Amino acid sequence: MRAVDVIQKKRDGAELSKDEIDFFIRGYAKGDVPDYQASAFTMAVFFKGMTPAETVALTEAMMHTGEVLDLGELPGPKVDKHSTGGVGDKTSLVLAPLAAACGVYVPMISGRGLGHTGGTLDKLESIPGFDVRLSLASFKGVLRECGLGLIGQTPEIAPADRKLYALRDVTATVESLPLISASIMSKKMAEGIDALVLDVKCGDGAFLRSREEARALAETMLGIGRGMGKRVAALITDMDQPLGRTAGNALEVAEVLVLDLLAFRFVDLFAQPALDAGRRS
């Protein structure tokens, strides 16, 4: 099998097999496939697209170029939430601690800003001394201790995705639904989660402007997750105006602290008694 044959087959609009995709992605991760051939591959995918089976195979191939976390030792559901981002979107910083307080483990490998919006990591790094570059062992320790871990992509997690995303960024191939979906889901599926909630935003303040684009991305990611045996749900949410009262990394973190205090107060007053009653029954 040769990389040039894989490129030519996709260029001509044919469907690649799982073995062909795996060969190409593993070769790229190891350095056997050079950047110029990977650029040609991403451009072919950009113009010709991928079938659902190809997109699942691409996700699995990128995921298996690195480690897949085993969180079976944690005695509870492992669930992550991913947002495609938007101006003032700080939902993860409110929702993740709230879910952890209710007994759900939340292993979250987050991303940086996309376009004009700050990402979860950018917001967290506005806190002096906050370290988002933990080793996987430290990440699992934090998760075990408090139920929530938030880090950036590590060298051990989907290294092919790290290389491919950097390449797409300089070859004008970022805006490809199969490539976007495989990039997101290869990291999420490597977290060792049982389930995933996708928040796909659309509107003037989001990366995706139209509801049709958001639905197409949501359906692609749902297909990947379910094709890999995970429970996945998606919501398409409005981003025609900023979320909350502030925009800007440090300002949003300050606002989140207030929201989290209110959320934990809600858990203490209403949710925790219900959880305790459920456990007793």
C-alpha atoms as a PDB file:
ATOM      1  CA  MET A   1       0.000   0.000   0.000  1.00  0.00           C
ATOM      2  CA  ARG A   2       1.275   3.486  -0.891  1.00  0.00           C
ATOM      3  CA  ALA A   3       0.224   6.895   0.421  1.00  0.00           C
ATOM      4  CA  VAL A   4      -0.053   8.279  -3.118  1.00  0.00           C
ATOM      5  CA  ASP A   5      -2.611   5.603  -4.002  1.00  0.00           C
ATOM      6  CA  VAL A   6      -4.755   6.546  -0.984  1.00  0.00           C
ATOM      7  CA  ILE A   7      -4.597  10.216  -2.007  1.00  0.00           C
ATOM      8  CA  GLN A   8      -5.492   9.431  -5.621  1.00  0.00           C
ATOM      9  CA  LYS A   9      -8.426   7.226  -4.618  1.00  0.00           C
ATOM     10  CA  LYS A  10      -9.929   9.956  -2.429  1.00  0.00           C
ATOM     11  CA  ARG A  11      -9.149  12.631  -5.044  1.00  0.00           C
ATOM     12  CA  ASP A  12     -11.243  10.647  -7.512  1.00  0.00           C
ATOM     13  CA  GLY A  13     -14.152  10.477  -5.070  1.00  0.00           C
ATOM     14  CA  ALA A  14     -13.924   6.781  -4.168  1.00  0.00           C
ATOM     15  CA  GLU A  15     -14.558   5.452  -0.660  1.00  0.00           C
ATOM     16  CA  LEU A  16     -11.437   4.517   1.296  1.00  0.00           C
ATOM     17  CA  SER A  17     -11.325   1.317   3.301  1.00  0.00           C
ATOM     18  CA  LYS A  18     -10.609   1.253   7.025  1.00  0.00           C
ATOM     19  CA  ASP A  19      -7.210  -0.317   6.318  1.00  0.00           C
ATOM     20  CA  GLU A  20      -6.279   2.416   3.837  1.00  0.00           C
ATOM     21  CA  ILE A  21      -7.202   5.194   6.260  1.00  0.00           C
ATOM     22  CA  ASP A  22      -5.409   3.464   9.122  1.00  0.00           C
ATOM     23  CA  PHE A  23      -2.283   2.976   6.988  1.00  0.00           C
ATOM     24  CA  PHE A  24      -2.197   6.645   5.969  1.00  0.00           C
ATOM     25  CA  ILE A  25      -2.857   8.133   9.430  1.00  0.00           C
ATOM     26  CA  ARG A  26      -0.464   5.818  11.263  1.00  0.00           C
ATOM     27  CA  GLY A  27       2.179   6.539   8.649  1.00  0.00           C
ATOM     28  CA  TYR A  28       1.700  10.270   9.078  1.00  0.00           C
ATOM     29  CA  ALA A  29       1.900  10.017  12.875  1.00  0.00           C
ATOM     30  CA  LYS A  30       5.182   8.076  12.621  1.00  0.00           C
ATOM     31  CA  GLY A  31       6.679  10.432  10.036  1.00  0.00           C
ATOM     32  CA  ASP A  32       6.614   7.930   7.169  1.00  0.00           C
ATOM     33  CA  VAL A  33       4.049  10.051   5.302  1.00  0.00           C
ATOM     34  CA  PRO A  34       5.372  13.603   4.733  1.00  0.00           C
ATOM     35  CA  ASP A  35       3.450  16.828   5.252  1.00  0.00           C
ATOM     36  CA  TYR A  36       3.020  17.441   1.525  1.00  0.00           C
ATOM     37  CA  GLN A  37       1.170  14.162   1.074  1.00  0.00           C
ATOM     38  CA  ALA A  38      -0.945  14.767   4.178  1.00  0.00           C
ATOM     39  CA  SER A  39      -1.800  18.216   2.746  1.00  0.00           C
ATOM     40  CA  ALA A  40      -2.929  16.598  -0.486  1.00  0.00           C
ATOM     41  CA  PHE A  41      -5.035  14.108   1.486  1.00  0.00           C
ATOM     42  CA  THR A  42      -6.803  16.816   3.520  1.00  0.00           C
ATOM     43  CA  MET A  43      -7.499  18.828   0.365  1.00  0.00           C
ATOM     44  CA  ALA A  44      -8.979  15.741  -1.305  1.00  0.00           C
ATOM     45  CA  VAL A  45     -11.210  15.184   1.725  1.00  0.00           C
ATOM     46  CA  PHE A  46     -12.146  18.879   1.739  1.00  0.00           C
ATOM     47  CA  PHE A  47     -13.479  18.668  -1.830  1.00  0.00           C
ATOM     48  CA  LYS A  48     -14.733  15.065  -1.991  1.00  0.00           C
ATOM     49  CA  GLY A  49     -15.937  14.566   1.593  1.00  0.00           C
ATOM     50  CA  MET A  50     -16.153  11.275   3.450  1.00  0.00           C
ATOM     51  CA  THR A  51     -18.835   8.687   4.034  1.00  0.00           C
ATOM     52  CA  PRO A  52     -19.973   8.028   7.624  1.00  0.00           C
ATOM     53  CA  ALA A  53     -17.931   4.798   7.659  1.00  0.00           C
ATOM     54  CA  GLU A  54     -14.819   6.644   6.462  1.00  0.00           C
ATOM     55  CA  THR A  55     -15.271   9.351   9.105  1.00  0.00           C
ATOM     56  CA  VAL A  56     -15.547   6.750  11.882  1.00  0.00           C
ATOM     57  CA  ALA A  57     -12.444   4.995  10.534  1.00  0.00           C
ATOM     58  CA  LEU A  58     -10.519   8.300  10.421  1.00  0.00           C
ATOM     59  CA  THR A  59     -11.508   9.069  14.022  1.00  0.00           C
ATOM     60  CA  GLU A  60     -10.475   5.618  15.251  1.00  0.00           C
ATOM     61  CA  ALA A  61      -7.181   5.796  13.361  1.00  0.00           C
ATOM     62  CA  MET A  62      -6.273   9.172  14.874  1.00  0.00           C
ATOM     63  CA  MET A  63      -7.375   8.062  18.344  1.00  0.00           C
ATOM     64  CA  HIS A  64      -5.255   4.900  18.245  1.00  0.00           C
ATOM     65  CA  THR A  65      -2.055   6.749  17.314  1.00  0.00           C
ATOM     66  CA  GLY A  66      -1.919   7.588  21.039  1.00  0.00           C
ATOM     67  CA  GLU A  67      -3.194   6.381  24.388  1.00  0.00           C
ATOM     68  CA  VAL A  68      -6.825   5.693  25.242  1.00  0.00           C
ATOM     69  CA  LEU A  69      -7.541   6.333  28.910  1.00  0.00           C
ATOM     70  CA  ASP A  70      -8.918   3.517  31.040  1.00  0.00           C
ATOM     71  CA  LEU A  71     -11.087   5.018  33.780  1.00  0.00           C
ATOM     72  CA  GLY A  72     -12.772   1.773  34.795  1.00  0.00           C
ATOM     73  CA  GLU A  73     -11.440   2.158  38.343  1.00  0.00           C
ATOM     74  CA  LEU A  74     -13.650   5.201  38.933  1.00  0.00           C
ATOM     75  CA  PRO A  75     -16.944   4.129  40.537  1.00  0.00           C
ATOM     76  CA  GLY A  76     -19.407   6.164  38.523  1.00  0.00           C
ATOM     77  CA  PRO A  77     -20.419   7.369  35.070  1.00  0.00           C
ATOM     78  CA  LYS A  78     -17.750   9.151  33.035  1.00  0.00           C
ATOM     79  CA  VAL A  79     -19.278  11.876  30.890  1.00  0.00           C
ATOM     80  CA  ASP A  80     -17.841  14.817  28.943  1.00  0.00           C
ATOM     81  CA  LYS A  81     -19.436  17.835  27.322  1.00  0.00           C
ATOM     82  CA  HIS A  82     -18.076  19.574  24.231  1.00  0.00           C
ATOM     83  CA  SER A  83     -19.015  22.965  22.851  1.00  0.00           C
ATOM     84  CA  THR A  84     -18.120  24.304  19.417  1.00  0.00           C
ATOM     85  CA  GLY A  85     -17.708  27.720  21.057  1.00  0.00           C
ATOM     86  CA  GLY A  86     -19.019  31.236  20.759  1.00  0.00           C
ATOM     87  CA  VAL A  87     -18.617  34.716  22.185  1.00  0.00           C
ATOM     88  CA  GLY A  88     -18.952  34.553  25.964  1.00  0.00           C
ATOM     89  CA  ASP A  89     -19.452  30.777  25.960  1.00  0.00           C
ATOM     90  CA  LYS A  90     -18.486  29.702  29.450  1.00  0.00           C
ATOM     91  CA  THR A  91     -20.979  26.860  29.785  1.00  0.00           C
ATOM     92  CA  SER A  92     -18.349  24.161  30.399  1.00  0.00           C
ATOM     93  CA  LEU A  93     -16.921  26.034  33.377  1.00  0.00           C
ATOM     94  CA  VAL A  94     -20.352  26.038  35.029  1.00  0.00           C
ATOM     95  CA  LEU A  95     -21.714  22.687  33.915  1.00  0.00           C
ATOM     96  CA  ALA A  96     -18.644  20.495  34.552  1.00  0.00           C
ATOM     97  CA  PRO A  97     -18.256  21.312  38.286  1.00  0.00           C
ATOM     98  CA  LEU A  98     -22.018  21.009  38.729  1.00  0.00           C
ATOM     99  CA  ALA A  99     -22.036  17.531  37.154  1.00  0.00           C
ATOM    100  CA  ALA A 100     -19.066  16.489  39.314  1.00  0.00           C
ATOM    101  CA  ALA A 101     -20.891  17.697  42.428  1.00  0.00           C
ATOM    102  CA  CYS A 102     -23.755  15.362  41.487  1.00  0.00           C
ATOM    103  CA  GLY A 103     -21.455  12.314  41.339  1.00  0.00           C
ATOM    104  CA  VAL A 104     -20.547  12.272  37.641  1.00  0.00           C
ATOM    105  CA  TYR A 105     -16.868  12.049  36.673  1.00  0.00           C
ATOM    106  CA  VAL A 106     -16.012  14.632  34.014  1.00  0.00           C
ATOM    107  CA  PRO A 107     -12.715  13.996  32.176  1.00  0.00           C
ATOM    108  CA  MET A 108     -12.465  17.012  29.882  1.00  0.00           C
ATOM    109  CA  ILE A 109      -9.716  17.489  27.304  1.00  0.00           C
ATOM    110  CA  SER A 110     -10.515  20.977  26.115  1.00  0.00           C
ATOM    111  CA  GLY A 111      -9.405  23.216  23.282  1.00  0.00           C
ATOM    112  CA  ARG A 112      -8.282  26.746  22.711  1.00  0.00           C
ATOM    113  CA  GLY A 113     -10.091  29.567  20.980  1.00  0.00           C
ATOM    114  CA  LEU A 114     -11.435  29.163  17.482  1.00  0.00           C
ATOM    115  CA  GLY A 115     -11.438  32.344  15.435  1.00  0.00           C
ATOM    116  CA  HIS A 116     -12.728  35.281  17.455  1.00  0.00           C
ATOM    117  CA  THR A 117     -13.730  33.332  20.585  1.00  0.00           C
ATOM    118  CA  GLY A 118     -11.694  32.265  23.590  1.00  0.00           C
ATOM    119  CA  GLY A 119     -11.605  28.554  24.363  1.00  0.00           C
ATOM    120  CA  THR A 120     -11.951  26.867  27.739  1.00  0.00           C
ATOM    121  CA  LEU A 121      -8.165  26.568  28.120  1.00  0.00           C
ATOM    122  CA  ASP A 122      -7.661  30.253  27.321  1.00  0.00           C
ATOM    123  CA  LYS A 123     -10.162  31.162  30.024  1.00  0.00           C
ATOM    124  CA  LEU A 124      -8.570  28.889  32.632  1.00  0.00           C
ATOM    125  CA  GLU A 125      -5.082  30.198  31.892  1.00  0.00           C
ATOM    126  CA  SER A 126      -6.232  33.695  32.815  1.00  0.00           C
ATOM    127  CA  ILE A 127      -6.111  32.370  36.415  1.00  0.00           C
ATOM    128  CA  PRO A 128      -2.529  32.939  37.649  1.00  0.00           C
ATOM    129  CA  GLY A 129      -0.724  29.623  38.082  1.00  0.00           C
ATOM    130  CA  PHE A 130      -3.451  27.439  36.591  1.00  0.00           C
ATOM    131  CA  ASP A 131      -1.744  24.561  34.765  1.00  0.00           C
ATOM    132  CA  VAL A 132      -3.581  22.908  31.872  1.00  0.00           C
ATOM    133  CA  ARG A 133      -0.545  20.831  30.838  1.00  0.00           C
ATOM    134  CA  LEU A 134      -0.828  17.933  33.284  1.00  0.00           C
ATOM    135  CA  SER A 135       0.514  14.478  32.536  1.00  0.00           C
ATOM    136  CA  LEU A 136      -2.114  11.782  32.052  1.00  0.00           C
ATOM    137  CA  ALA A 137      -1.196  10.291  35.447  1.00  0.00           C
ATOM    138  CA  SER A 138      -1.716  13.654  37.174  1.00  0.00           C
ATOM    139  CA  PHE A 139      -4.928  14.192  35.222  1.00  0.00           C
ATOM    140  CA  LYS A 140      -6.322  10.860  36.438  1.00  0.00           C
ATOM    141  CA  GLY A 141      -5.292  11.734  39.985  1.00  0.00           C
ATOM    142  CA  VAL A 142      -7.159  15.047  39.885  1.00  0.00           C
ATOM    143  CA  LEU A 143     -10.173  13.323  38.368  1.00  0.00           C
ATOM    144  CA  ARG A 144     -10.163  10.677  41.104  1.00  0.00           C
ATOM    145  CA  GLU A 145      -9.860  13.295  43.843  1.00  0.00           C
ATOM    146  CA  CYS A 146     -12.461  15.868  42.812  1.00  0.00           C
ATOM    147  CA  GLY A 147     -14.468  14.294  39.981  1.00  0.00           C
ATOM    148  CA  LEU A 148     -13.394  16.819  37.351  1.00  0.00           C
ATOM    149  CA  GLY A 149     -10.248  17.256  35.289  1.00  0.00           C
ATOM    150  CA  LEU A 150      -9.659  19.966  32.677  1.00  0.00           C
ATOM    151  CA  ILE A 151      -6.525  19.794  30.542  1.00  0.00           C
ATOM    152  CA  GLY A 152      -5.335  20.489  27.015  1.00  0.00           C
ATOM    153  CA  GLN A 153      -4.453  17.855  24.473  1.00  0.00           C
ATOM    154  CA  THR A 154      -1.319  16.029  25.612  1.00  0.00           C
ATOM    155  CA  PRO A 155       1.372  14.440  23.402  1.00  0.00           C
ATOM    156  CA  GLU A 156      -0.068  11.031  24.352  1.00  0.00           C
ATOM    157  CA  ILE A 157      -3.630  11.797  23.190  1.00  0.00           C
ATOM    158  CA  ALA A 158      -4.319  11.479  19.427  1.00  0.00           C
ATOM    159  CA  PRO A 159      -0.910  12.790  18.269  1.00  0.00           C
ATOM    160  CA  ALA A 160      -1.965  12.405  14.627  1.00  0.00           C
ATOM    161  CA  ASP A 161      -4.720  14.932  15.256  1.00  0.00           C
ATOM    162  CA  ARG A 162      -2.224  17.460  16.643  1.00  0.00           C
ATOM    163  CA  LYS A 163      -0.114  17.195  13.498  1.00  0.00           C
ATOM    164  CA  LEU A 164      -3.039  17.146  11.100  1.00  0.00           C
ATOM    165  CA  TYR A 165      -4.813  20.111  12.685  1.00  0.00           C
ATOM    166  CA  ALA A 166      -1.666  22.251  12.471  1.00  0.00           C
ATOM    167  CA  LEU A 167      -1.401  21.305   8.809  1.00  0.00           C
ATOM    168  CA  ARG A 168      -5.058  22.076   8.082  1.00  0.00           C
ATOM    169  CA  ASP A 169      -4.660  25.479   9.707  1.00  0.00           C
ATOM    170  CA  VAL A 170      -2.088  26.543   7.091  1.00  0.00           C
ATOM    171  CA  THR A 171      -3.596  24.769   4.066  1.00  0.00           C
ATOM    172  CA  ALA A 172      -7.126  26.247   4.207  1.00  0.00           C
ATOM    173  CA  THR A 173      -8.737  22.882   4.983  1.00  0.00           C
ATOM    174  CA  VAL A 174     -10.073  23.578   8.492  1.00  0.00           C
ATOM    175  CA  GLU A 175     -13.694  23.961   7.325  1.00  0.00           C
ATOM    176  CA  SER A 176     -14.315  20.328   6.413  1.00  0.00           C
ATOM    177  CA  LEU A 177     -17.070  18.518   8.329  1.00  0.00           C
ATOM    178  CA  PRO A 178     -15.359  15.090   8.320  1.00  0.00           C
ATOM    179  CA  LEU A 179     -12.016  16.595   9.375  1.00  0.00           C
ATOM    180  CA  ILE A 180     -13.587  18.829  12.064  1.00  0.00           C
ATOM    181  CA  SER A 181     -15.648  15.947  13.425  1.00  0.00           C
ATOM    182  CA  ALA A 182     -12.792  13.431  13.456  1.00  0.00           C
ATOM    183  CA  SER A 183     -10.514  15.971  15.145  1.00  0.00           C
ATOM    184  CA  ILE A 184     -13.002  16.645  17.946  1.00  0.00           C
ATOM    185  CA  MET A 185     -14.146  13.075  18.437  1.00  0.00           C
ATOM    186  CA  SER A 186     -10.690  11.446  18.331  1.00  0.00           C
ATOM    187  CA  LYS A 187      -9.818  13.355  21.504  1.00  0.00           C
ATOM    188  CA  LYS A 188     -13.189  12.791  23.153  1.00  0.00           C
ATOM    189  CA  MET A 189     -13.235   9.058  22.456  1.00  0.00           C
ATOM    190  CA  ALA A 190      -9.707   8.769  23.902  1.00  0.00           C
ATOM    191  CA  GLU A 191     -10.883  10.106  27.283  1.00  0.00           C
ATOM    192  CA  GLY A 192     -12.323   6.801  28.459  1.00  0.00           C
ATOM    193  CA  ILE A 193     -15.833   8.247  28.721  1.00  0.00           C
ATOM    194  CA  ASP A 194     -19.141   6.406  28.761  1.00  0.00           C
ATOM    195  CA  ALA A 195     -21.158   9.228  27.234  1.00  0.00           C
ATOM    196  CA  LEU A 196     -20.783  12.622  25.592  1.00  0.00           C
ATOM    197  CA  VAL A 197     -22.992  15.700  25.297  1.00  0.00           C
ATOM    198  CA  LEU A 198     -22.351  17.931  22.274  1.00  0.00           C
ATOM    199  CA  ASP A 199     -23.300  21.618  22.335  1.00  0.00           C
ATOM    200  CA  VAL A 200     -23.208  22.740  18.689  1.00  0.00           C
ATOM    201  CA  LYS A 201     -23.683  26.493  18.496  1.00  0.00           C
ATOM    202  CA  CYS A 202     -24.800  28.540  15.518  1.00  0.00           C
ATOM    203  CA  GLY A 203     -25.331  32.234  14.907  1.00  0.00           C
ATOM    204  CA  ASP A 204     -23.457  35.502  14.520  1.00  0.00           C
ATOM    205  CA  GLY A 205     -21.231  34.842  17.543  1.00  0.00           C
ATOM    206  CA  ALA A 206     -20.304  31.255  16.623  1.00  0.00           C
ATOM    207  CA  PHE A 207     -17.927  29.492  14.270  1.00  0.00           C
ATOM    208  CA  LEU A 208     -20.936  28.041  12.428  1.00  0.00           C
ATOM    209  CA  ARG A 209     -23.370  30.700  11.256  1.00  0.00           C
ATOM    210  CA  SER A 210     -26.351  28.685   9.987  1.00  0.00           C
ATOM    211  CA  ARG A 211     -28.533  26.066  11.649  1.00  0.00           C
ATOM    212  CA  GLU A 212     -28.039  23.812   8.617  1.00  0.00           C
ATOM    213  CA  GLU A 213     -24.258  23.795   9.111  1.00  0.00           C
ATOM    214  CA  ALA A 214     -24.677  23.137  12.833  1.00  0.00           C
ATOM    215  CA  ARG A 215     -27.078  20.255  12.199  1.00  0.00           C
ATOM    216  CA  ALA A 216     -24.714  18.693   9.656  1.00  0.00           C
ATOM    217  CA  LEU A 217     -21.791  18.854  12.110  1.00  0.00           C
ATOM    218  CA  ALA A 218     -23.924  17.519  14.975  1.00  0.00           C
ATOM    219  CA  GLU A 219     -25.174  14.590  12.900  1.00  0.00           C
ATOM    220  CA  THR A 220     -21.632  13.744  11.777  1.00  0.00           C
ATOM    221  CA  MET A 221     -20.308  13.703  15.350  1.00  0.00           C
ATOM    222  CA  LEU A 222     -23.315  11.729  16.578  1.00  0.00           C
ATOM    223  CA  GLY A 223     -22.649   9.145  13.887  1.00  0.00           C
ATOM    224  CA  ILE A 224     -19.012   8.829  14.956  1.00  0.00           C
ATOM    225  CA  GLY A 225     -19.783   8.474  18.656  1.00  0.00           C
ATOM    226  CA  ARG A 226     -22.565   5.966  18.169  1.00  0.00           C
ATOM    227  CA  GLY A 227     -20.502   4.105  15.579  1.00  0.00           C
ATOM    228  CA  MET A 228     -17.865   3.658  18.288  1.00  0.00           C
ATOM    229  CA  GLY A 229     -20.383   2.346  20.814  1.00  0.00           C
ATOM    230  CA  LYS A 230     -20.803   5.461  22.982  1.00  0.00           C
ATOM    231  CA  ARG A 231     -23.930   7.194  24.230  1.00  0.00           C
ATOM    232  CA  VAL A 232     -23.935  10.607  22.546  1.00  0.00           C
ATOM    233  CA  ALA A 233     -26.493  13.417  22.535  1.00  0.00           C
ATOM    234  CA  ALA A 234     -26.335  16.740  20.692  1.00  0.00           C
ATOM    235  CA  LEU A 235     -28.035  20.097  21.163  1.00  0.00           C
ATOM    236  CA  ILE A 236     -28.037  22.910  18.620  1.00  0.00           C
ATOM    237  CA  THR A 237     -28.009  26.162  20.566  1.00  0.00           C
ATOM    238  CA  ASP A 238     -28.317  29.821  19.630  1.00  0.00           C
ATOM    239  CA  MET A 239     -25.243  32.074  19.550  1.00  0.00           C
ATOM    240  CA  ASP A 240     -26.736  35.208  18.011  1.00  0.00           C
ATOM    241  CA  GLN A 241     -25.751  37.107  21.137  1.00  0.00           C
ATOM    242  CA  PRO A 242     -23.023  36.664  23.760  1.00  0.00           C
ATOM    243  CA  LEU A 243     -23.683  34.228  26.596  1.00  0.00           C
ATOM    244  CA  GLY A 244     -23.707  35.973  29.943  1.00  0.00           C
ATOM    245  CA  ARG A 245     -22.832  39.552  30.757  1.00  0.00           C
ATOM    246  CA  THR A 246     -19.110  39.515  29.945  1.00  0.00           C
ATOM    247  CA  ALA A 247     -16.763  38.605  27.078  1.00  0.00           C
ATOM    248  CA  GLY A 248     -13.035  38.181  27.603  1.00  0.00           C
ATOM    249  CA  ASN A 249     -11.175  35.335  29.288  1.00  0.00           C
ATOM    250  CA  ALA A 250     -10.514  36.802  32.752  1.00  0.00           C
ATOM    251  CA  LEU A 251     -13.885  38.570  32.889  1.00  0.00           C
ATOM    252  CA  GLU A 252     -15.710  35.371  31.995  1.00  0.00           C
ATOM    253  CA  VAL A 253     -13.898  33.386  34.695  1.00  0.00           C
ATOM    254  CA  ALA A 254     -14.900  35.999  37.281  1.00  0.00           C
ATOM    255  CA  GLU A 255     -18.521  35.721  36.141  1.00  0.00           C
ATOM    256  CA  VAL A 256     -18.337  31.913  36.263  1.00  0.00           C
ATOM    257  CA  LEU A 257     -17.258  31.987  39.917  1.00  0.00           C
ATOM    258  CA  VAL A 258     -20.501  33.736  40.804  1.00  0.00           C
ATOM    259  CA  LEU A 259     -22.548  31.323  38.694  1.00  0.00           C
ATOM    260  CA  ASP A 260     -20.816  28.304  40.238  1.00  0.00           C
ATOM    261  CA  LEU A 261     -21.584  29.526  43.757  1.00  0.00           C
ATOM    262  CA  LEU A 262     -25.258  29.794  42.820  1.00  0.00           C
ATOM    263  CA  ALA A 263     -25.176  26.365  41.149  1.00  0.00           C
ATOM    264  CA  PHE A 264     -23.612  24.641  44.149  1.00  0.00           C
ATOM    265  CA  ARG A 265     -26.157  26.315  46.409  1.00  0.00           C
ATOM    266  CA  PHE A 266     -28.864  24.787  44.209  1.00  0.00           C
ATOM    267  CA  VAL A 267     -27.235  21.343  44.541  1.00  0.00           C
ATOM    268  CA  ASP A 268     -27.122  21.683  48.338  1.00  0.00           C
ATOM    269  CA  LEU A 269     -30.750  22.758  48.612  1.00  0.00           C
ATOM    270  CA  PHE A 270     -32.483  20.631  45.993  1.00  0.00           C
ATOM    271  CA  ALA A 271     -30.385  18.162  44.026  1.00  0.00           C
ATOM    272  CA  GLN A 272     -28.347  16.581  46.837  1.00  0.00           C
ATOM    273  CA  PRO A 273     -31.362  15.510  48.943  1.00  0.00           C
ATOM    274  CA  ALA A 274     -32.847  13.872  45.834  1.00  0.00           C
ATOM    275  CA  LEU A 275     -29.565  12.099  45.072  1.00  0.00           C
ATOM    276  CA  ASP A 276     -29.290  10.866  48.670  1.00  0.00           C
ATOM    277  CA  ALA A 277     -32.869   9.598  48.581  1.00  0.00           C
ATOM    278  CA  GLY A 278     -32.169   7.762  45.329  1.00  0.00           C
ATOM    279  CA  ARG A 279     -29.132   6.046  46.809  1.00  0.00           C
ATOM    280  CA  ARG A 280     -31.113   4.924  49.887  1.00  0.00           C
ATOM    281  CA  SER A 281     -33.842   3.441  47.720  1.00  0.00           C
END
